[in-house]
Amino acid sequence: MKARVTVMLKAGVLDVQGEAVRHALGSLGFAGVNGVRQGKVIELDLAETDAAAAKTAVDAMCDKLLANAVIESYRVEIL
């Protein structure tokens, strides 16, 4: 079973990388980009066959390692 985790900075947390990308896009002539939020996508290949158990396990992985709960939020998709 596969899982995809999308991790993003929480609203209100300054996204320095996103701002750098926004600025670079403007410099390249892409006008009208008012904001950029940058995150990360993590794909996991799991041995688990039960979707609910896989989601529980991936949530635990996010809480312990994959996301910083203080400044990041995450979304888990079981594929």
N, C-alpha and C. Protein backbone atom coordinates (compact mmCIF):
# COMPACT_ATOMS: atom_id res chain seq x y z
N MET A 1 0.85 -1.17 0.00
CA MET A 1 0.00 0.00 0.00
C MET A 1 0.89 1.23 0.00
N LYS A 2 0.47 2.24 -0.73
CA LYS A 2 1.26 3.47 -0.80
C LYS A 2 0.52 4.59 -0.07
N ALA A 3 1.32 5.52 0.46
CA ALA A 3 0.76 6.70 1.12
C ALA A 3 1.53 7.92 0.64
N ARG A 4 0.82 9.02 0.53
CA ARG A 4 1.45 10.29 0.16
C ARG A 4 1.16 11.29 1.26
N VAL A 5 2.21 11.91 1.77
CA VAL A 5 2.10 12.92 2.82
C VAL A 5 2.50 14.26 2.22
N THR A 6 1.64 15.25 2.36
CA THR A 6 1.94 16.61 1.92
C THR A 6 2.12 17.46 3.17
N VAL A 7 3.29 18.06 3.31
CA VAL A 7 3.62 18.87 4.49
C VAL A 7 3.77 20.32 4.03
N MET A 8 3.07 21.22 4.72
CA MET A 8 3.13 22.64 4.40
C MET A 8 3.29 23.43 5.71
N LEU A 9 3.89 24.61 5.59
CA LEU A 9 3.95 25.50 6.74
C LEU A 9 2.52 25.95 7.07
N LYS A 10 2.23 26.11 8.34
CA LYS A 10 0.92 26.59 8.76
C LYS A 10 0.72 28.03 8.31
N ALA A 11 -0.53 28.40 8.15
CA ALA A 11 -0.86 29.79 7.80
C ALA A 11 -0.30 30.69 8.89
N GLY A 12 0.26 31.79 8.50
CA GLY A 12 0.83 32.73 9.46
C GLY A 12 2.31 32.53 9.72
N VAL A 13 2.86 31.40 9.29
CA VAL A 13 4.29 31.15 9.44
C VAL A 13 4.99 31.66 8.18
N LEU A 14 5.99 32.50 8.35
CA LEU A 14 6.71 33.07 7.22
C LEU A 14 7.36 31.97 6.39
N ASP A 15 7.05 31.95 5.11
CA ASP A 15 7.61 30.96 4.19
C ASP A 15 8.73 31.64 3.39
N VAL A 16 9.94 31.59 3.90
CA VAL A 16 11.08 32.26 3.28
C VAL A 16 11.36 31.69 1.89
N GLN A 17 11.31 30.38 1.75
CA GLN A 17 11.56 29.77 0.44
C GLN A 17 10.47 30.16 -0.56
N GLY A 18 9.23 30.18 -0.09
CA GLY A 18 8.13 30.59 -0.96
C GLY A 18 8.31 32.02 -1.44
N GLU A 19 8.72 32.90 -0.54
CA GLU A 19 8.96 34.30 -0.92
C GLU A 19 10.10 34.42 -1.93
N ALA A 20 11.14 33.60 -1.77
CA ALA A 20 12.25 33.61 -2.72
C ALA A 20 11.78 33.16 -4.10
N VAL A 21 10.93 32.14 -4.14
CA VAL A 21 10.39 31.67 -5.41
C VAL A 21 9.50 32.74 -6.04
N ARG A 22 8.66 33.39 -5.24
CA ARG A 22 7.79 34.46 -5.75
C ARG A 22 8.62 35.58 -6.36
N HIS A 23 9.67 35.97 -5.67
CA HIS A 23 10.53 37.03 -6.17
C HIS A 23 11.22 36.60 -7.48
N ALA A 24 11.72 35.37 -7.52
CA ALA A 24 12.40 34.86 -8.72
C ALA A 24 11.43 34.80 -9.90
N LEU A 25 10.19 34.40 -9.66
CA LEU A 25 9.22 34.35 -10.74
C LEU A 25 8.97 35.75 -11.31
N GLY A 26 8.87 36.74 -10.42
CA GLY A 26 8.71 38.12 -10.88
C GLY A 26 9.90 38.58 -11.70
N SER A 27 11.09 38.20 -11.27
CA SER A 27 12.31 38.57 -12.00
C SER A 27 12.38 37.93 -13.38
N LEU A 28 11.72 36.78 -13.52
CA LEU A 28 11.71 36.07 -14.80
C LEU A 28 10.56 36.53 -15.71
N GLY A 29 9.80 37.53 -15.24
CA GLY A 29 8.74 38.07 -16.07
C GLY A 29 7.36 37.50 -15.83
N PHE A 30 7.21 36.67 -14.81
CA PHE A 30 5.90 36.11 -14.49
C PHE A 30 5.19 37.05 -13.52
N ALA A 31 4.50 38.03 -14.07
CA ALA A 31 3.82 39.02 -13.25
C ALA A 31 2.52 38.43 -12.70
N GLY A 32 2.05 38.99 -11.60
CA GLY A 32 0.76 38.58 -11.06
C GLY A 32 0.82 37.45 -10.06
N VAL A 33 1.99 36.99 -9.70
CA VAL A 33 2.10 35.96 -8.65
C VAL A 33 2.20 36.71 -7.33
N ASN A 34 1.11 36.69 -6.57
CA ASN A 34 1.05 37.46 -5.33
C ASN A 34 1.57 36.70 -4.12
N GLY A 35 1.66 35.40 -4.21
CA GLY A 35 2.16 34.62 -3.07
C GLY A 35 2.52 33.21 -3.49
N VAL A 36 3.49 32.66 -2.81
CA VAL A 36 3.91 31.28 -3.05
C VAL A 36 4.11 30.62 -1.69
N ARG A 37 3.56 29.43 -1.51
CA ARG A 37 3.81 28.62 -0.32
C ARG A 37 4.50 27.36 -0.82
N GLN A 38 5.62 27.02 -0.23
CA GLN A 38 6.38 25.85 -0.65
C GLN A 38 6.30 24.79 0.44
N GLY A 39 6.16 23.55 0.03
CA GLY A 39 6.09 22.46 0.99
C GLY A 39 6.89 21.27 0.49
N LYS A 40 6.54 20.11 1.02
CA LYS A 40 7.22 18.89 0.58
C LYS A 40 6.21 17.76 0.48
N VAL A 41 6.49 16.84 -0.42
CA VAL A 41 5.67 15.66 -0.61
C VAL A 41 6.53 14.45 -0.32
N ILE A 42 6.03 13.56 0.52
CA ILE A 42 6.75 12.34 0.90
C ILE A 42 5.88 11.16 0.49
N GLU A 43 6.42 10.25 -0.30
CA GLU A 43 5.69 9.05 -0.68
C GLU A 43 6.28 7.85 0.05
N LEU A 44 5.40 7.07 0.62
CA LEU A 44 5.80 5.90 1.40
C LEU A 44 5.23 4.64 0.78
N ASP A 45 6.03 3.60 0.72
CA ASP A 45 5.56 2.29 0.28
C ASP A 45 5.47 1.43 1.53
N LEU A 46 4.26 1.09 1.91
CA LEU A 46 4.02 0.41 3.19
C LEU A 46 3.68 -1.06 2.99
N ALA A 47 4.06 -1.88 3.94
CA ALA A 47 3.70 -3.30 3.92
C ALA A 47 2.26 -3.51 4.37
N GLU A 48 1.71 -2.54 5.07
CA GLU A 48 0.34 -2.63 5.60
C GLU A 48 -0.67 -2.80 4.47
N THR A 49 -1.68 -3.63 4.69
CA THR A 49 -2.72 -3.85 3.68
C THR A 49 -4.06 -3.25 4.07
N ASP A 50 -4.21 -2.87 5.33
CA ASP A 50 -5.45 -2.26 5.80
C ASP A 50 -5.31 -0.73 5.75
N ALA A 51 -6.21 -0.07 5.02
CA ALA A 51 -6.09 1.37 4.81
C ALA A 51 -6.17 2.16 6.13
N ALA A 52 -7.05 1.76 7.02
CA ALA A 52 -7.20 2.48 8.30
C ALA A 52 -5.94 2.34 9.15
N ALA A 53 -5.38 1.14 9.19
CA ALA A 53 -4.15 0.91 9.96
C ALA A 53 -2.98 1.67 9.33
N ALA A 54 -2.95 1.71 8.00
CA ALA A 54 -1.89 2.44 7.31
C ALA A 54 -1.98 3.92 7.64
N LYS A 55 -3.19 4.48 7.63
CA LYS A 55 -3.39 5.91 7.94
C LYS A 55 -2.94 6.19 9.37
N THR A 56 -3.29 5.34 10.30
CA THR A 56 -2.88 5.50 11.70
C THR A 56 -1.36 5.49 11.82
N ALA A 57 -0.72 4.55 11.13
CA ALA A 57 0.74 4.44 11.18
C ALA A 57 1.40 5.68 10.57
N VAL A 58 0.89 6.15 9.44
CA VAL A 58 1.49 7.31 8.79
C VAL A 58 1.27 8.57 9.63
N ASP A 59 0.11 8.70 10.25
CA ASP A 59 -0.12 9.82 11.17
C ASP A 59 0.92 9.83 12.28
N ALA A 60 1.21 8.66 12.82
CA ALA A 60 2.22 8.56 13.88
C ALA A 60 3.60 8.94 13.35
N MET A 61 3.92 8.52 12.13
CA MET A 61 5.21 8.89 11.51
C MET A 61 5.31 10.41 11.36
N CYS A 62 4.22 11.02 10.95
CA CYS A 62 4.21 12.48 10.78
C CYS A 62 4.41 13.18 12.12
N ASP A 63 3.70 12.71 13.14
CA ASP A 63 3.80 13.32 14.46
C ASP A 63 5.19 13.19 15.05
N LYS A 64 5.88 12.09 14.75
CA LYS A 64 7.18 11.84 15.36
C LYS A 64 8.37 12.32 14.52
N LEU A 65 8.22 12.40 13.19
CA LEU A 65 9.38 12.70 12.36
C LEU A 65 9.11 13.56 11.14
N LEU A 66 8.08 13.25 10.39
CA LEU A 66 7.94 13.84 9.06
C LEU A 66 7.46 15.29 9.05
N ALA A 67 6.78 15.72 10.10
CA ALA A 67 6.28 17.10 10.16
C ALA A 67 6.57 17.69 11.54
N ASN A 68 6.87 18.97 11.56
CA ASN A 68 7.07 19.70 12.80
C ASN A 68 5.73 20.31 13.18
N ALA A 69 5.03 19.71 14.13
CA ALA A 69 3.67 20.10 14.48
C ALA A 69 3.55 21.55 14.94
N VAL A 70 4.63 22.16 15.36
CA VAL A 70 4.59 23.54 15.82
C VAL A 70 4.37 24.49 14.65
N ILE A 71 5.03 24.24 13.52
CA ILE A 71 4.96 25.19 12.40
C ILE A 71 4.41 24.58 11.11
N GLU A 72 4.19 23.26 11.06
CA GLU A 72 3.74 22.62 9.83
C GLU A 72 2.45 21.86 10.05
N SER A 73 1.68 21.76 8.99
CA SER A 73 0.50 20.88 8.96
C SER A 73 0.76 19.84 7.88
N TYR A 74 0.03 18.75 7.94
CA TYR A 74 0.22 17.70 6.95
C TYR A 74 -1.10 17.08 6.56
N ARG A 75 -1.10 16.48 5.37
CA ARG A 75 -2.27 15.76 4.87
C ARG A 75 -1.79 14.39 4.41
N VAL A 76 -2.49 13.35 4.78
CA VAL A 76 -2.14 11.98 4.41
C VAL A 76 -3.15 11.47 3.41
N GLU A 77 -2.66 10.91 2.32
CA GLU A 77 -3.50 10.23 1.34
C GLU A 77 -3.05 8.78 1.27
N ILE A 78 -3.96 7.87 1.43
CA ILE A 78 -3.66 6.44 1.23
C ILE A 78 -4.04 6.13 -0.20
N LEU A 79 -3.07 5.63 -0.96
CA LEU A 79 -3.27 5.42 -2.41
C LEU A 79 -3.55 3.97 -2.73
